[in-house]
Protein backbone atom coordinates (compact mmCIF):
# COMPACT_ATOMS: atom_id res chain seq x y z
CA MET A 1 122.06 109.85 76.01
CA ASP A 2 124.00 111.86 78.61
CA LYS A 3 121.38 111.74 81.35
CA LYS A 4 122.54 110.43 84.72
CA VAL A 5 120.17 108.58 87.09
CA LEU A 6 120.48 107.43 90.69
CA VAL A 7 118.57 104.17 91.10
CA ALA A 8 117.29 103.07 94.52
CA VAL A 9 118.02 99.33 94.79
CA SER A 10 116.56 97.32 97.67
CA GLY A 11 117.87 93.82 97.04
CA GLY A 12 114.78 92.51 95.26
CA VAL A 13 114.24 91.62 91.62
CA ASP A 14 112.25 94.74 90.73
CA SER A 15 114.77 97.47 91.57
CA SER A 16 117.77 95.59 90.15
CA THR A 17 115.91 94.94 86.88
CA ALA A 18 114.86 98.61 86.73
CA MET A 19 118.54 99.52 87.07
CA MET A 20 119.53 97.28 84.16
CA LEU A 21 116.72 98.56 81.95
CA LEU A 22 117.87 102.14 82.43
CA LYS A 23 121.45 101.17 81.65
CA ASP A 24 120.27 99.52 78.42
CA GLN A 25 118.31 102.68 77.55
CA GLY A 26 121.53 104.67 77.59
CA TYR A 27 121.39 106.34 80.99
CA GLU A 28 124.53 106.73 83.06
CA VAL A 29 123.43 104.66 86.05
CA ILE A 30 124.50 104.91 89.69
CA ALA A 31 122.99 102.54 92.29
CA ALA A 32 122.15 103.43 95.89
CA HIS A 33 120.93 101.14 98.65
CA MET A 34 119.16 103.02 101.43
CA LYS A 35 119.92 101.26 104.70
CA MET A 36 116.93 102.05 106.88
CA TRP A 37 117.17 99.69 109.87
CA ASP A 38 119.21 96.98 111.60
CA TYR A 39 118.00 93.53 112.61
CA ALA A 40 119.71 94.05 115.97
CA GLU A 41 117.35 96.97 116.66
CA VAL A 42 114.05 95.79 115.18
CA GLY A 43 114.33 92.07 116.05
CA GLY A 44 112.83 89.21 114.08
CA GLU A 45 114.46 86.57 111.95
CA SER A 46 116.57 87.56 108.93
CA ARG A 47 114.95 86.44 105.66
CA ARG A 48 116.17 86.39 102.08
CA ASP A 49 112.93 87.63 100.56
CA GLY A 50 113.95 90.75 98.71
CA ARG A 51 113.45 93.17 101.57
CA CYS A 52 116.02 95.86 102.10
CA CYS A 53 118.76 96.37 104.64
CA SER A 54 120.09 92.84 105.24
CA LEU A 55 123.80 92.15 104.75
CA GLU A 56 122.91 89.48 102.19
CA SER A 57 120.92 91.98 100.10
CA ILE A 58 123.74 94.52 100.17
CA ASN A 59 126.33 91.91 99.15
CA ASP A 60 124.12 90.68 96.28
CA LEU A 61 123.66 94.23 95.02
CA ARG A 62 127.35 95.02 95.25
CA SER A 63 128.11 91.87 93.24
CA ILE A 64 125.59 92.81 90.51
CA CYS A 65 126.90 96.38 90.25
CA THR A 66 130.51 95.27 90.11
CA ALA A 67 129.71 92.79 87.31
CA HIS A 68 128.03 95.55 85.27
CA ASN A 69 130.46 98.37 86.10
CA ILE A 70 127.83 100.39 87.98
CA PRO A 71 128.94 102.62 90.90
CA PHE A 72 127.26 101.46 94.12
CA TYR A 73 126.61 103.39 97.33
CA VAL A 74 125.10 102.38 100.66
CA LEU A 75 123.31 105.35 102.25
CA ASN A 76 122.82 105.27 106.01
CA PHE A 77 119.33 106.49 106.92
CA VAL A 78 118.91 104.40 110.08
CA ASP A 79 118.53 107.33 112.49
CA ARG A 80 116.15 109.28 110.24
CA PHE A 81 114.10 106.18 109.48
CA ARG A 82 113.68 105.51 113.20
CA GLU A 83 112.55 109.09 113.86
CA ILE A 84 110.31 109.52 110.82
CA VAL A 85 108.91 106.04 110.14
CA ILE A 86 109.24 103.69 113.12
CA ASP A 87 108.31 106.22 115.81
CA ASN A 88 105.26 107.21 113.74
CA PHE A 89 104.34 103.54 113.25
CA VAL A 90 104.35 102.89 117.02
CA SER A 91 102.66 106.15 118.00
CA GLU A 92 99.84 105.62 115.48
CA TYR A 93 99.08 102.14 116.83
CA ARG A 94 99.32 103.55 120.35
CA ALA A 95 96.65 106.09 119.37
CA GLY A 96 94.32 103.40 118.04
CA ARG A 97 95.05 104.04 114.36
CA THR A 98 96.48 101.72 111.71
CA PRO A 99 99.37 103.39 109.85
CA ASN A 100 100.94 102.72 106.48
CA PRO A 101 104.68 103.17 107.06
CA CYS A 102 105.59 102.62 103.38
CA ILE A 103 103.69 105.77 102.46
CA VAL A 104 105.28 107.74 105.30
CA CYS A 105 108.70 106.53 104.13
CA ASN A 106 108.05 107.43 100.49
CA THR A 107 106.60 110.84 101.29
CA HIS A 108 108.89 112.06 104.05
CA LEU A 109 112.15 110.16 103.72
CA LYS A 110 112.91 108.10 100.63
CA TRP A 111 112.38 110.69 97.91
CA GLY A 112 113.94 113.51 99.87
CA GLY A 113 116.99 111.43 100.77
CA LEU A 114 117.48 110.14 97.24
CA LEU A 115 117.01 113.52 95.59
CA ASN A 116 119.59 115.08 97.90
CA LYS A 117 122.11 112.35 97.08
CA ALA A 118 121.29 112.66 93.37
CA LEU A 119 122.12 116.39 93.50
CA GLN A 120 125.45 115.64 95.18
CA LEU A 121 126.31 113.14 92.44
CA GLY A 122 125.19 115.39 89.59
CA CYS A 123 122.26 113.14 88.62
CA ASP A 124 119.33 114.35 86.54
CA PHE A 125 116.87 111.76 87.85
CA ILE A 126 116.18 109.21 90.53
CA ALA A 127 114.49 105.88 89.79
CA THR A 128 112.87 103.03 91.70
CA GLY A 129 111.34 99.65 90.89
CA HIS A 130 107.75 100.73 91.60
CA TYR A 131 104.98 99.48 89.33
CA ALA A 132 103.54 102.87 88.40
CA ARG A 133 103.93 105.48 85.66
CA ILE A 134 104.74 109.19 85.62
CA VAL A 135 103.76 111.43 82.71
CA LYS A 136 103.59 115.17 82.05
CA ASP A 137 99.90 115.45 81.26
CA ASP A 138 98.38 118.18 79.05
CA LYS A 139 94.91 117.72 80.54
CA TYR A 140 96.09 118.58 84.06
CA SER A 141 99.19 120.62 83.06
CA ARG A 142 101.08 118.77 85.77
CA TYR A 143 103.20 115.69 86.33
CA ILE A 144 100.81 112.89 87.22
CA ILE A 145 101.02 109.37 88.58
CA LYS A 146 99.20 106.65 86.67
CA LYS A 147 98.62 103.06 87.67
CA GLY A 148 101.16 100.50 86.53
CA LEU A 149 100.29 98.38 83.50
CA ASP A 150 100.22 95.25 85.70
CA ASP A 151 97.04 95.76 87.71
CA SER A 152 97.98 92.98 90.13
CA ARG A 153 101.23 94.81 91.03
CA ASP A 154 100.16 98.45 90.78
CA GLN A 155 101.81 100.55 93.50
CA SER A 156 100.38 103.97 92.71
CA TYR A 157 98.44 103.86 96.00
CA ALA A 158 101.68 104.24 97.97
CA LEU A 159 102.92 107.25 96.01
CA TRP A 160 100.20 109.88 96.57
CA GLY A 161 102.45 111.98 98.83
CA LEU A 162 105.03 112.86 96.16
CA THR A 163 105.41 116.50 95.14
CA GLN A 164 105.54 117.94 91.62
CA GLU A 165 109.26 118.60 92.08
CA ALA A 166 109.86 114.97 93.04
CA LEU A 167 107.76 113.64 90.16
CA SER A 168 109.56 115.82 87.61
CA ARG A 169 112.80 114.06 88.49
CA THR A 170 111.57 110.48 88.98
CA LEU A 171 111.61 107.51 86.60
CA PHE A 172 109.60 104.30 87.01
CA PRO A 173 111.09 101.90 84.41
CA LEU A 174 108.76 99.02 85.37
CA GLY A 175 105.49 100.89 84.93
CA GLU A 176 104.94 99.48 81.45
CA TYR A 177 105.81 95.88 82.37
CA ARG A 178 104.13 92.92 84.03
CA LYS A 179 105.78 91.07 86.89
CA LYS A 180 106.33 87.90 84.87
CA ASP A 181 108.16 89.97 82.23
CA VAL A 182 110.39 91.47 84.90
CA ARG A 183 111.32 88.01 86.18
CA GLU A 184 112.18 86.94 82.64
CA MET A 185 114.29 90.05 82.05
CA ALA A 186 116.13 89.51 85.34
CA ALA A 187 116.98 85.96 84.26
CA LYS A 188 118.29 87.22 80.90
CA TYR A 189 120.44 89.76 82.72
CA ASP A 190 121.65 86.85 84.89
CA LEU A 191 120.86 88.78 88.06
CA LYS A 192 121.26 87.10 91.44
CA THR A 193 117.90 88.58 92.39
CA ALA A 194 116.00 86.90 89.52
CA LYS A 195 114.53 84.21 91.77
CA THR A 196 114.33 86.22 94.97
CA PRO A 197 110.91 85.58 96.57
CA GLU A 198 108.47 88.42 97.07
CA SER A 199 108.97 90.62 100.11
CA GLN A 200 105.81 90.63 102.23
CA ASP A 201 104.29 93.30 104.46
CA ILE A 202 106.47 95.89 106.20
CA CYS A 203 110.22 95.75 105.65
CA PHE A 204 111.35 96.46 109.21
CA VAL A 205 109.00 93.91 110.79
CA ALA A 206 111.15 91.12 109.38
CA ASP A 207 109.11 88.23 110.80
CA ASN A 208 105.78 89.94 109.93
CA ASN A 209 104.83 89.74 113.63
CA TYR A 210 103.50 93.23 114.39
CA HIS A 211 102.56 92.37 117.97
CA ARG A 212 106.06 91.14 118.74
CA PHE A 213 107.57 94.27 117.23
CA LEU A 214 105.23 96.66 119.07
CA LYS A 215 105.78 94.90 122.42
CA GLU A 216 109.56 94.98 122.09
CA TRP A 217 109.65 98.60 120.94
CA GLU A 218 107.41 99.67 123.80
CA GLN A 219 109.63 97.83 126.29
CA LYS A 220 112.63 99.79 125.01
CA GLU A 221 110.72 102.94 125.93
CA GLY A 222 109.95 101.71 129.45
CA GLY A 223 106.79 99.66 128.81
CA GLY A 224 103.24 100.11 130.07
CA GLY A 225 102.57 103.32 128.19
CA LYS A 226 99.33 104.57 126.69
CA GLY A 227 97.98 102.12 124.15
CA PHE A 228 99.65 99.12 125.77
CA ARG A 229 97.53 98.79 128.91
CA PRO A 230 94.73 96.17 129.12
CA GLY A 231 91.16 97.43 129.01
CA LYS A 232 87.58 96.53 128.19
CA ILE A 233 86.13 95.16 124.96
CA VAL A 234 82.58 96.47 124.73
CA LYS A 235 79.61 96.53 122.42
CA GLU A 236 78.13 99.82 121.24
CA ASN A 237 75.53 99.64 124.05
CA GLY A 238 78.29 99.43 126.67
CA GLU A 239 78.01 95.70 127.38
CA VAL A 240 81.42 94.33 128.36
CA VAL A 241 82.26 91.18 126.37
CA GLY A 242 85.96 90.75 127.09
CA GLU A 243 89.32 92.31 127.88
CA HIS A 244 91.85 93.59 125.35
CA LYS A 245 95.66 93.53 125.68
CA GLY A 246 96.13 97.17 124.71
CA VAL A 247 94.52 99.20 121.94
CA ALA A 248 97.81 99.18 120.00
CA PHE A 249 97.24 95.52 119.14
CA TYR A 250 93.88 95.97 117.38
CA THR A 251 92.63 97.36 114.08
CA VAL A 252 89.22 98.11 112.61
CA GLY A 253 87.66 95.04 110.98
CA GLN A 254 89.67 92.58 113.06
CA ARG A 255 87.89 89.40 114.14
CA ARG A 256 90.57 86.92 115.22
CA GLY A 257 92.72 87.08 118.33
CA MET A 258 90.26 88.82 120.66
CA GLY A 259 89.53 85.84 122.91
CA ILE A 260 85.79 86.53 123.03
CA ALA A 261 83.26 83.76 123.58
CA HIS A 262 80.13 84.96 121.79
CA PRO A 263 77.31 83.20 119.89
CA THR A 264 77.91 85.32 116.76
CA PRO A 265 81.13 86.68 115.20
CA LEU A 266 82.26 90.04 116.55
CA TYR A 267 84.56 92.50 114.78
CA VAL A 268 86.48 95.57 115.91
CA LYS A 269 84.33 98.55 114.97
CA LYS A 270 86.10 101.38 116.77
CA ILE A 271 89.16 101.91 118.96
CA ASP A 272 89.01 104.58 121.67
CA PRO A 273 92.43 105.20 123.24
CA GLU A 274 91.06 107.90 125.58
CA SER A 275 88.72 105.49 127.37
CA ASN A 276 91.06 102.57 126.61
CA THR A 277 88.24 100.54 125.08
CA VAL A 278 87.83 98.46 121.94
CA VAL A 279 84.27 98.63 120.56
CA VAL A 280 83.02 95.56 118.69
CA GLY A 281 79.95 94.79 116.61
CA ASP A 282 78.48 92.61 113.91
CA ASN A 283 79.80 92.57 110.36
CA ASP A 284 77.01 94.93 109.26
CA ASP A 285 78.28 97.51 111.76
CA LEU A 286 81.55 97.82 109.83
CA PHE A 287 80.01 99.53 106.80
CA THR A 288 80.50 103.27 106.42
CA ASP A 289 78.82 105.90 104.23
CA SER A 290 81.33 108.71 104.62
CA MET A 291 84.72 109.64 106.06
CA LYS A 292 86.97 112.61 106.77
CA VAL A 293 90.38 112.66 105.10
CA THR A 294 93.18 115.02 106.21
CA LYS A 295 96.91 115.63 105.54
CA LEU A 296 96.15 115.95 101.84
CA ASN A 297 98.51 116.08 98.89
CA TRP A 298 97.11 116.83 95.44
CA VAL A 299 98.96 115.28 92.52
CA ALA A 300 96.92 115.82 89.34
CA LEU A 301 94.71 118.52 90.86
CA ASP A 302 95.76 121.93 92.17
CA ASN A 303 94.11 122.33 95.58
CA PRO A 304 90.47 121.82 94.48
CA GLN A 305 87.86 124.07 96.09
CA GLU A 306 84.69 122.65 94.53
CA PRO A 307 83.14 119.18 95.04
CA PHE A 308 84.13 116.55 92.49
CA ARG A 309 83.69 112.86 91.73
CA ALA A 310 86.39 110.22 92.07
CA GLU A 311 87.07 106.58 92.72
CA VAL A 312 88.53 106.16 96.20
CA LYS A 313 90.86 103.44 97.41
CA ILE A 314 90.97 103.04 101.22
CA ARG A 315 93.73 100.41 101.51
CA TYR A 316 96.25 98.78 99.21
CA LEU A 317 94.12 95.80 98.13
CA HIS A 318 90.80 97.66 98.12
CA THR A 319 88.79 97.95 94.90
CA PRO A 320 88.30 101.70 94.36
CA ALA A 321 84.78 102.86 95.24
CA LYS A 322 82.88 105.69 93.55
CA ALA A 323 82.32 108.71 95.77
CA GLY A 324 81.71 112.43 95.96
CA ILE A 325 84.57 114.50 97.39
CA GLU A 326 83.75 117.72 99.26
CA PRO A 327 86.79 119.95 99.95
CA HIS A 328 86.85 122.01 103.16
CA ALA A 329 89.20 124.53 104.69
CA LYS A 330 92.09 123.33 106.84
CA ASP A 331 93.36 120.60 104.55
CA THR A 332 90.32 118.34 104.87
CA VAL A 333 87.79 116.67 102.59
CA THR A 334 84.64 114.70 103.26
CA VAL A 335 84.22 111.58 101.15
CA ARG A 336 80.64 110.36 100.59
CA PHE A 337 80.53 106.87 99.10
CA ASP A 338 77.87 105.84 96.58
CA LYS A 339 77.82 102.46 98.32
CA SER A 340 78.85 101.91 101.95
CA GLN A 341 82.38 100.57 102.39
CA ARG A 342 83.56 97.99 104.92
CA ALA A 343 86.18 98.65 107.60
CA VAL A 344 87.19 102.22 106.84
CA THR A 345 90.25 102.46 109.07
CA PRO A 346 91.67 105.66 110.64
CA GLY A 347 95.38 106.00 109.89
CA GLN A 348 95.21 104.29 106.51
CA SER A 349 95.50 106.29 103.29
CA ALA A 350 92.62 107.30 101.03
CA VAL A 351 93.72 107.79 97.43
CA PHE A 352 91.52 109.50 94.83
CA TYR A 353 91.57 108.25 91.23
CA ASP A 354 90.19 109.35 87.88
CA ASP A 355 90.32 106.01 86.05
CA ASP A 356 94.05 105.16 86.21
CA THR A 357 95.23 108.63 87.29
CA VAL A 358 96.05 109.53 90.91
CA LEU A 359 94.29 112.81 91.68
CA GLY A 360 95.69 112.99 95.21
CA GLY A 361 95.44 111.40 98.59
CA GLY A 362 95.40 111.83 102.34
CA VAL A 363 95.05 110.05 105.67
CA ILE A 364 91.71 108.73 106.90
CA ASN A 365 90.82 110.65 110.04
CA SER A 366 87.35 109.35 110.94
CA SER A 367 84.32 107.63 109.45
CA LYS A 368 80.56 107.84 109.87
CA LYS A 369 77.75 105.38 109.21
């Protein structure tokens, strides 16, 4: 096989095992580590948990590639990552929404950056360690994304923003494997990453403390801006039940950390940055019948104009819910759930499935009971 592939390696067990699998399959493999951020800028404690961008991860990867005679590059995307991913992350929280920066990174930075580097190096494909599958499907006459074989690790939810061009040149070597098999393969390859613990949450919030990160980033920009000023916590009827620390620090469905003394549990139902209020209610108030989804990208479908049925996933660990999808003009659909769903959160992604196939996805704009 003469095909050449550029493999994105993060420092975790998945991407390094994917690299070795492709090498065994006869591909000419080149490895690239995308350096997205610096600890000095984002703060938090450095951890050896498989997340990208630490010096330890880069040194481990360089050692593996040297041992297996694989060319290794470190690509500096720090400035672009700050502009595209981190600034969006902060501005979305400031606006009372809950973003998914991994999807923003995949859609607007990672694939574009890798594909450009692959072209420079004369590569036919790029590859990552995602647990998902790509096939050219006769039914849809398009490249489609399918769930990974390991349901507990499936990452198709985070890939809805990829274009047909990107999919035609992408390989997911781990899509047909289970996580335990990948660990075993890594051990057989004698990879340093074989026992690397799982990376949790968002890579650039190294200590997983979102509030700390948001506070420090806001202070760099002068502090006290919109979304970071204290305000009222109110019920739907306008009754004031407490004071919030800034709408940026709250998300729909949240119960803990509000400092409210109340005879029954209260949850964040809605965040209104214009009035600087956080609206709370009972658990039953969190259930939603429908929602608007915007910023759409269709993967298996070609810009549908007629209503259709799908299973809809509204966050990474959500069990897909059956719904009717009504397309509108201006890049918008209305989703009407068969059964009301809890804590539909503006800013999160909604991904539409037909069984294990990703039909497309978009960003949740608003919900309605």
